[in-house]
Amino acid sequence: MAISHEKLRVGLIGTGSFGPNFATYITEHADLVAVCDPNPAGRDEFAKQTGLRLPEFDHHEGLLEAADVDAVVICSPNATHKEIAVAAAEQGKHVFCEKAMATCVPDCWEMVRACDKANTRLMVGHKRRLRPPWARMIELRKELGDVLAITSCGYFDSRPYPFAESWWRFRDKSGGTLMVSGVHVVDWMRAMCGDVASVRALAAPQADRRYDFPDTLHVALEFNSGAVASLSVSLVYPPLKFRESGGPQVVYQDGGARLVAQMEQLDLYWQRQDEAESHFEQFDDIGIDHAFSQEFGDFVRWVADADYEPCLTWREGLRCVEVMEAAHRSADEGGSIIRLPLYPELEIT
């Protein structure tokens, strides 16, 4: 779809807690011309926070029909992503979708095929791999060799967040445990190690009954490369805040690295097998703004030039959902080993 005007015209669907934040990155690279949210109070709060007074819609179909947009940014609840993305593609609009791409893999494939049929771009935002401290660990493969193993413990206190009082607490709306916490690390692990071959997960006894899915989950991943990884997440761990959790430890072929997460900085230590002391790199800028700007800037460039190679496409989003859905299925089955691809009949050959 060719763009006839100078800047990409974007409609934002979902003005909740994340919408005002992401509007900053939209307006950095494009024109934000309309917003949509079924909640009038949410739209009012968006206008107050951003200072933007834009045409408002209470349903995505209204925006797609009445607003002159080239693309939509989807920041609505996870379970709504497929319906919105397919509708946008059918109207010839490009789609930027915040993670998680959808709540299940079949929905992801519907999004992919709708955009492919319409010849529109589909990108899923996964910022963790783009943040400089985490990107540096990917880069360290040049220094330390292939990744052999990773472990990450994402225990944190979710009480400061609205998860247990909102749509996030329902599996059919959010997608489950890893969609709430773990999605970032799963995608980064794939950036480190490639495609996942098998998944196994076990759930701990429930602590917070407001969630209709496990609030603590341990996941083991085996990659096609032979690398292995473990990811532990918990929403009910008071000693740590979210930004203080999840710092991974990585075993490379010729050394190792560990990231120490803190509220306002990230400390990276890495060392070769033949070295006596670790290298230390401190990241005072934890890189969130950089990552959001990079991914959306690449989306805008990709829309303008189909030959441009963006930092992300839909593939990262779909494969991340596949790993998470497999982990939840494994936990439901008491820790069975789930082989990927999860839906071989849907694969594009």
Protein backbone atom coordinates (compact mmCIF):
# COMPACT_ATOMS: atom_id res chain seq x y z
CA MET A 1 0.00 0.00 0.00
CA ALA A 2 1.60 3.26 -1.14
CA ILE A 3 1.55 6.31 1.15
CA SER A 4 0.60 9.49 -0.69
CA HIS A 5 1.48 12.00 2.03
CA GLU A 6 4.75 12.92 3.68
CA LYS A 7 4.28 11.19 7.04
CA LEU A 8 2.58 7.96 8.00
CA ARG A 9 -0.88 8.60 9.47
CA VAL A 10 -1.54 6.36 12.46
CA GLY A 11 -4.54 5.40 14.55
CA LEU A 12 -3.89 4.20 18.10
CA ILE A 13 -6.22 1.46 19.34
CA GLY A 14 -6.08 1.11 23.11
CA THR A 15 -5.55 4.24 25.22
CA GLY A 16 -5.12 2.48 28.57
CA SER A 17 -2.06 2.63 30.80
CA PHE A 18 0.41 1.91 28.00
CA GLY A 19 -1.26 3.94 25.24
CA PRO A 20 -0.11 7.39 26.44
CA ASN A 21 3.46 6.11 26.78
CA PHE A 22 3.58 4.64 23.28
CA ALA A 23 2.03 7.78 21.77
CA THR A 24 5.41 9.46 22.39
CA TYR A 25 7.15 7.06 20.00
CA ILE A 26 4.39 7.27 17.41
CA THR A 27 4.60 11.06 17.23
CA GLU A 28 8.41 10.89 17.02
CA HIS A 29 8.19 9.09 13.67
CA ALA A 30 4.66 9.59 12.32
CA ASP A 31 1.42 11.56 12.66
CA LEU A 32 -0.99 10.26 15.29
CA VAL A 33 -4.39 11.28 13.91
CA ALA A 34 -7.00 9.27 15.82
CA VAL A 35 -7.48 7.13 18.93
CA CYS A 36 -9.85 4.35 19.86
CA ASP A 37 -10.90 2.85 23.18
CA PRO A 38 -14.29 1.60 24.41
CA ASN A 39 -13.71 3.37 27.74
CA PRO A 40 -14.48 7.14 27.59
CA ALA A 41 -12.58 7.70 30.84
CA GLY A 42 -9.53 6.07 29.27
CA ARG A 43 -9.74 8.35 26.27
CA ASP A 44 -10.06 11.40 28.54
CA GLU A 45 -7.05 10.31 30.58
CA PHE A 46 -5.06 9.79 27.38
CA ALA A 47 -5.83 13.36 26.29
CA LYS A 48 -4.84 14.73 29.70
CA GLN A 49 -1.54 12.84 29.80
CA THR A 50 -0.48 13.54 26.22
CA GLY A 51 -2.09 16.93 25.59
CA LEU A 52 -3.38 15.52 22.29
CA ARG A 53 -6.96 16.28 21.28
CA LEU A 54 -7.72 13.86 18.48
CA PRO A 55 -10.78 12.29 16.86
CA GLU A 56 -12.00 9.55 19.21
CA PHE A 57 -13.73 6.25 18.51
CA ASP A 58 -15.18 3.64 20.84
CA HIS A 59 -14.65 0.71 18.43
CA HIS A 60 -11.86 -0.12 16.00
CA GLU A 61 -14.29 -0.55 13.10
CA GLY A 62 -15.37 3.06 13.47
CA LEU A 63 -11.79 4.27 13.37
CA LEU A 64 -10.95 2.15 10.34
CA GLU A 65 -13.99 3.38 8.44
CA ALA A 66 -13.96 7.06 9.35
CA ALA A 67 -10.36 8.04 10.10
CA ASP A 68 -7.85 8.68 7.33
CA VAL A 69 -5.09 6.36 8.57
CA ASP A 70 -2.38 4.35 6.83
CA ALA A 71 -1.61 2.15 9.84
CA VAL A 72 -2.85 1.19 13.27
CA VAL A 73 -0.97 0.61 16.50
CA ILE A 74 -2.67 -2.01 18.67
CA CYS A 75 -2.23 -1.49 22.42
CA SER A 76 -5.50 -3.09 23.49
CA PRO A 77 -5.92 -6.27 25.60
CA ASN A 78 -4.17 -9.32 24.16
CA ALA A 79 -7.35 -11.21 23.30
CA THR A 80 -8.50 -8.39 21.00
CA HIS A 81 -5.36 -8.25 18.85
CA LYS A 82 -6.42 -10.79 16.22
CA GLU A 83 -9.82 -9.25 15.50
CA ILE A 84 -8.37 -5.74 15.20
CA ALA A 85 -5.37 -6.76 13.08
CA VAL A 86 -7.50 -8.77 10.64
CA ALA A 87 -10.01 -5.93 10.32
CA ALA A 88 -7.21 -3.43 9.71
CA ALA A 89 -5.62 -5.62 7.04
CA GLU A 90 -8.97 -6.02 5.29
CA GLN A 91 -9.10 -2.21 5.12
CA GLY A 92 -5.58 -2.10 3.67
CA LYS A 93 -3.95 -0.73 6.83
CA HIS A 94 -0.49 -1.65 8.09
CA VAL A 95 -0.36 -3.09 11.61
CA PHE A 96 2.00 -2.55 14.52
CA CYS A 97 0.90 -4.78 17.40
CA GLU A 98 2.24 -4.63 20.92
CA LYS A 99 3.28 -7.93 22.48
CA ALA A 100 1.94 -10.41 23.11
CA MET A 101 0.91 -10.84 19.47
CA ALA A 102 -2.20 -12.82 20.47
CA THR A 103 -3.27 -15.33 23.11
CA CYS A 104 -2.69 -18.39 20.92
CA VAL A 105 -0.78 -19.43 17.82
CA PRO A 106 -3.80 -19.98 15.52
CA ASP A 107 -4.83 -16.37 16.09
CA CYS A 108 -1.30 -15.26 15.20
CA TRP A 109 -1.46 -17.15 11.90
CA GLU A 110 -4.81 -15.53 11.07
CA MET A 111 -3.17 -12.12 11.56
CA VAL A 112 -0.22 -13.10 9.38
CA ARG A 113 -2.33 -14.44 6.55
CA ALA A 114 -4.70 -11.45 6.57
CA CYS A 115 -1.79 -8.99 6.29
CA ASP A 116 -0.07 -11.14 3.67
CA LYS A 117 -3.25 -11.23 1.56
CA ALA A 118 -3.61 -7.44 1.84
CA ASN A 119 0.12 -6.83 1.23
CA THR A 120 0.34 -4.81 4.43
CA ARG A 121 3.14 -4.87 7.00
CA LEU A 122 2.73 -6.63 10.33
CA MET A 123 5.23 -6.00 13.12
CA VAL A 124 5.04 -7.14 16.74
CA GLY A 125 6.83 -5.00 19.31
CA HIS A 126 9.41 -6.90 21.40
CA LYS A 127 11.67 -4.29 22.92
CA ARG A 128 13.81 -6.37 25.31
CA ARG A 129 16.20 -7.67 22.64
CA LEU A 130 16.71 -4.06 21.46
CA ARG A 131 17.58 -2.50 24.82
CA PRO A 132 21.36 -1.89 24.90
CA PRO A 133 22.19 -4.03 27.99
CA TRP A 134 20.32 -7.03 26.59
CA ALA A 135 21.52 -6.41 23.03
CA ARG A 136 25.06 -6.36 24.41
CA MET A 137 24.65 -9.94 25.68
CA ILE A 138 23.56 -10.95 22.17
CA GLU A 139 26.60 -9.16 20.76
CA LEU A 140 28.90 -10.95 23.24
CA ARG A 141 28.50 -14.12 21.18
CA LYS A 142 31.24 -12.62 18.98
CA GLU A 143 33.57 -12.50 21.99
CA LEU A 144 32.49 -15.60 23.88
CA GLY A 145 31.10 -17.98 21.26
CA ASP A 146 27.78 -19.74 20.94
CA VAL A 147 25.28 -19.71 23.79
CA LEU A 148 25.07 -23.06 25.57
CA ALA A 149 22.76 -22.31 28.50
CA ILE A 150 20.75 -19.48 30.08
CA THR A 151 18.91 -19.15 33.36
CA SER A 152 16.65 -16.28 34.41
CA CYS A 153 14.62 -15.90 37.61
CA GLY A 154 11.79 -13.41 37.21
CA TYR A 155 10.28 -13.48 40.68
CA PHE A 156 8.74 -10.10 41.55
CA ASP A 157 5.94 -8.36 43.43
CA SER A 158 3.06 -7.65 41.06
CA ARG A 159 0.99 -5.71 43.60
CA PRO A 160 2.06 -2.26 42.31
CA TYR A 161 0.59 -3.23 38.91
CA PRO A 162 -3.08 -3.72 37.98
CA PHE A 163 -2.74 -7.35 36.91
CA ALA A 164 -4.82 -8.99 39.64
CA GLU A 165 -7.66 -6.41 39.38
CA SER A 166 -8.01 -6.24 35.60
CA TRP A 167 -8.34 -8.31 32.43
CA TRP A 168 -4.77 -9.49 32.94
CA ARG A 169 -5.91 -12.00 35.60
CA PHE A 170 -8.01 -14.00 33.12
CA ARG A 171 -6.27 -16.51 30.89
CA ASP A 172 -8.74 -16.12 28.04
CA LYS A 173 -8.05 -12.37 27.92
CA SER A 174 -4.32 -12.12 28.71
CA GLY A 175 -3.08 -15.53 27.57
CA GLY A 176 -1.78 -16.72 30.93
CA THR A 177 1.23 -16.53 33.23
CA LEU A 178 4.01 -15.85 30.73
CA MET A 179 1.98 -13.23 28.88
CA VAL A 180 1.90 -11.26 32.14
CA SER A 181 5.55 -11.83 33.02
CA GLY A 182 8.08 -13.74 30.94
CA VAL A 183 7.20 -12.66 27.43
CA HIS A 184 10.16 -10.27 27.29
CA VAL A 185 12.67 -12.88 28.40
CA VAL A 186 11.27 -15.61 26.14
CA ASP A 187 11.77 -13.38 23.09
CA TRP A 188 15.27 -12.38 24.20
CA MET A 189 16.22 -16.03 24.75
CA ARG A 190 15.12 -16.73 21.18
CA ALA A 191 17.28 -13.83 20.00
CA MET A 192 20.19 -15.46 21.84
CA CYS A 193 19.64 -19.11 20.86
CA GLY A 194 17.28 -19.31 17.87
CA ASP A 195 14.18 -21.45 17.49
CA VAL A 196 12.90 -23.59 20.36
CA ALA A 197 12.63 -27.36 19.87
CA SER A 198 10.77 -28.36 23.05
CA VAL A 199 9.17 -26.84 26.14
CA ARG A 200 8.39 -28.24 29.60
CA ALA A 201 6.79 -26.33 32.47
CA LEU A 202 5.65 -26.93 36.03
CA ALA A 203 3.37 -24.73 38.11
CA ALA A 204 3.80 -24.15 41.84
CA PRO A 205 0.83 -24.21 44.22
CA GLN A 206 -1.30 -21.07 43.83
CA ALA A 207 -0.79 -18.14 46.22
CA ASP A 208 -3.06 -15.45 44.72
CA ARG A 209 -6.44 -16.95 43.82
CA ARG A 210 -7.50 -13.89 41.86
CA TYR A 211 -5.56 -15.26 38.90
CA ASP A 212 -7.25 -18.10 37.02
CA PHE A 213 -3.82 -19.39 35.97
CA PRO A 214 -0.66 -20.27 37.93
CA ASP A 215 1.02 -17.28 39.57
CA THR A 216 4.39 -19.09 39.71
CA LEU A 217 5.75 -21.11 36.80
CA HIS A 218 9.07 -22.82 36.04
CA VAL A 219 9.88 -23.40 32.36
CA ALA A 220 12.64 -25.42 30.66
CA LEU A 221 13.49 -24.79 27.00
CA GLU A 222 15.57 -26.81 24.57
CA PHE A 223 16.64 -25.05 21.38
CA ASN A 224 17.31 -26.49 17.94
CA SER A 225 20.92 -25.42 18.44
CA GLY A 226 21.23 -27.77 21.44
CA ALA A 227 21.29 -24.88 23.93
CA VAL A 228 19.09 -25.12 27.02
CA ALA A 229 17.42 -22.46 29.16
CA SER A 230 15.37 -22.15 32.30
CA LEU A 231 12.92 -19.37 33.05
CA SER A 232 11.20 -19.03 36.41
CA VAL A 233 8.50 -16.42 36.93
CA SER A 234 6.39 -15.49 39.93
CA LEU A 235 3.89 -12.68 40.45
CA VAL A 236 3.83 -13.13 44.23
CA TYR A 237 7.39 -12.48 45.43
CA PRO A 238 7.45 -9.38 47.72
CA PRO A 239 11.25 -8.87 48.07
CA LEU A 240 11.80 -7.65 44.49
CA LYS A 241 10.18 -5.11 42.18
CA PHE A 242 9.76 -5.94 38.51
CA ARG A 243 12.83 -4.03 37.33
CA GLU A 244 14.98 -5.78 39.92
CA SER A 245 14.12 -9.28 38.71
CA GLY A 246 14.99 -11.47 35.77
CA GLY A 247 18.68 -10.66 35.36
CA PRO A 248 19.97 -13.67 33.39
CA GLN A 249 23.13 -15.73 33.65
CA VAL A 250 24.54 -17.03 30.36
CA VAL A 251 27.01 -19.82 29.63
CA TYR A 252 28.79 -19.24 26.33
CA GLN A 253 31.16 -21.65 24.59
CA ASP A 254 34.18 -19.65 25.74
CA GLY A 255 32.96 -17.80 28.81
CA GLY A 256 30.01 -16.44 30.70
CA ALA A 257 27.97 -13.33 31.48
CA ARG A 258 25.48 -12.17 34.05
CA LEU A 259 23.22 -9.14 34.16
CA VAL A 260 22.39 -7.64 37.56
CA ALA A 261 19.10 -5.77 37.37
CA GLN A 262 18.42 -2.73 39.53
CA MET A 263 15.72 -0.09 39.49
CA GLU A 264 17.71 2.63 37.71
CA GLN A 265 20.65 0.79 36.18
CA LEU A 266 21.79 -2.54 34.81
CA ASP A 267 25.24 -3.98 35.55
CA LEU A 268 26.76 -6.45 33.12
CA TYR A 269 29.66 -8.75 34.06
CA TRP A 270 31.31 -11.01 31.51
CA GLN A 271 34.46 -13.08 31.38
CA ARG A 272 36.33 -15.39 29.00
CA GLN A 273 37.39 -18.84 30.15
CA ASP A 274 41.06 -17.82 29.95
CA GLU A 275 40.65 -14.58 31.95
CA ALA A 276 41.18 -14.16 35.68
CA GLU A 277 38.78 -11.24 36.18
CA SER A 278 35.44 -10.13 34.80
CA HIS A 279 34.79 -7.19 32.53
CA PHE A 280 32.23 -4.74 33.93
CA GLU A 281 29.83 -2.57 31.94
CA GLN A 282 27.32 -0.30 33.66
CA PHE A 283 24.19 0.88 31.87
CA ASP A 284 22.74 3.95 33.58
CA ASP A 285 20.26 4.26 30.73
CA ILE A 286 18.33 0.99 30.82
CA GLY A 287 17.33 1.59 27.21
CA ILE A 288 13.53 1.52 27.17
CA ASP A 289 13.12 4.72 25.16
CA HIS A 290 15.81 3.61 22.72
CA ALA A 291 14.09 0.27 22.08
CA PHE A 292 10.57 1.61 21.61
CA SER A 293 11.83 4.31 19.26
CA GLN A 294 13.91 1.84 17.26
CA GLU A 295 11.11 -0.66 16.73
CA PHE A 296 8.47 1.88 15.72
CA GLY A 297 10.94 3.84 13.60
CA ASP A 298 11.77 0.64 11.75
CA PHE A 299 8.07 -0.07 11.27
CA VAL A 300 7.60 3.33 9.60
CA ARG A 301 10.64 2.77 7.35
CA TRP A 302 9.40 -0.73 6.44
CA VAL A 303 6.02 0.66 5.42
CA ALA A 304 7.76 3.18 3.17
CA ASP A 305 10.18 0.63 1.69
CA ALA A 306 9.14 -3.01 1.39
CA ASP A 307 12.78 -4.00 0.83
CA TYR A 308 13.90 -2.48 4.13
CA GLU A 309 14.92 -5.08 6.73
CA PRO A 310 13.35 -4.06 10.07
CA CYS A 311 14.63 -5.08 13.48
CA LEU A 312 11.41 -7.07 14.04
CA THR A 313 8.56 -8.51 11.99
CA TRP A 314 5.62 -10.77 12.91
CA ARG A 315 7.87 -13.83 13.14
CA GLU A 316 9.33 -12.94 16.53
CA GLY A 317 5.86 -12.33 17.92
CA LEU A 318 4.40 -15.59 16.63
CA ARG A 319 7.28 -17.75 17.82
CA CYS A 320 7.19 -16.14 21.25
CA VAL A 321 3.46 -16.88 21.58
CA GLU A 322 4.18 -20.44 20.46
CA VAL A 323 6.68 -20.98 23.29
CA MET A 324 4.36 -19.46 25.89
CA GLU A 325 1.32 -21.43 24.74
CA ALA A 326 3.39 -24.62 24.81
CA ALA A 327 4.59 -23.85 28.36
CA HIS A 328 1.06 -23.26 29.60
CA ARG A 329 -0.11 -26.48 27.94
CA SER A 330 2.77 -28.38 29.53
CA ALA A 331 1.92 -27.03 32.99
CA ASP A 332 -1.74 -27.97 32.49
CA GLU A 333 -0.57 -31.51 31.71
CA GLY A 334 1.66 -31.78 34.77
CA GLY A 335 4.96 -31.08 33.05
CA SER A 336 4.70 -32.97 29.76
CA ILE A 337 7.33 -32.25 27.09
CA ILE A 338 5.80 -30.25 24.22
CA ARG A 339 7.54 -30.36 20.85
CA LEU A 340 7.49 -27.41 18.46
CA PRO A 341 6.12 -26.29 16.10
CA LEU A 342 2.96 -26.42 18.15
CA TYR A 343 0.64 -26.38 15.13
CA PRO A 344 2.59 -27.91 12.23
CA GLU A 345 -0.51 -27.89 10.04
CA LEU A 346 -0.54 -24.07 10.11
CA GLU A 347 3.09 -23.54 9.15
CA ILE A 348 3.85 -21.58 6.00
CA THR A 349 5.96 -23.77 3.72
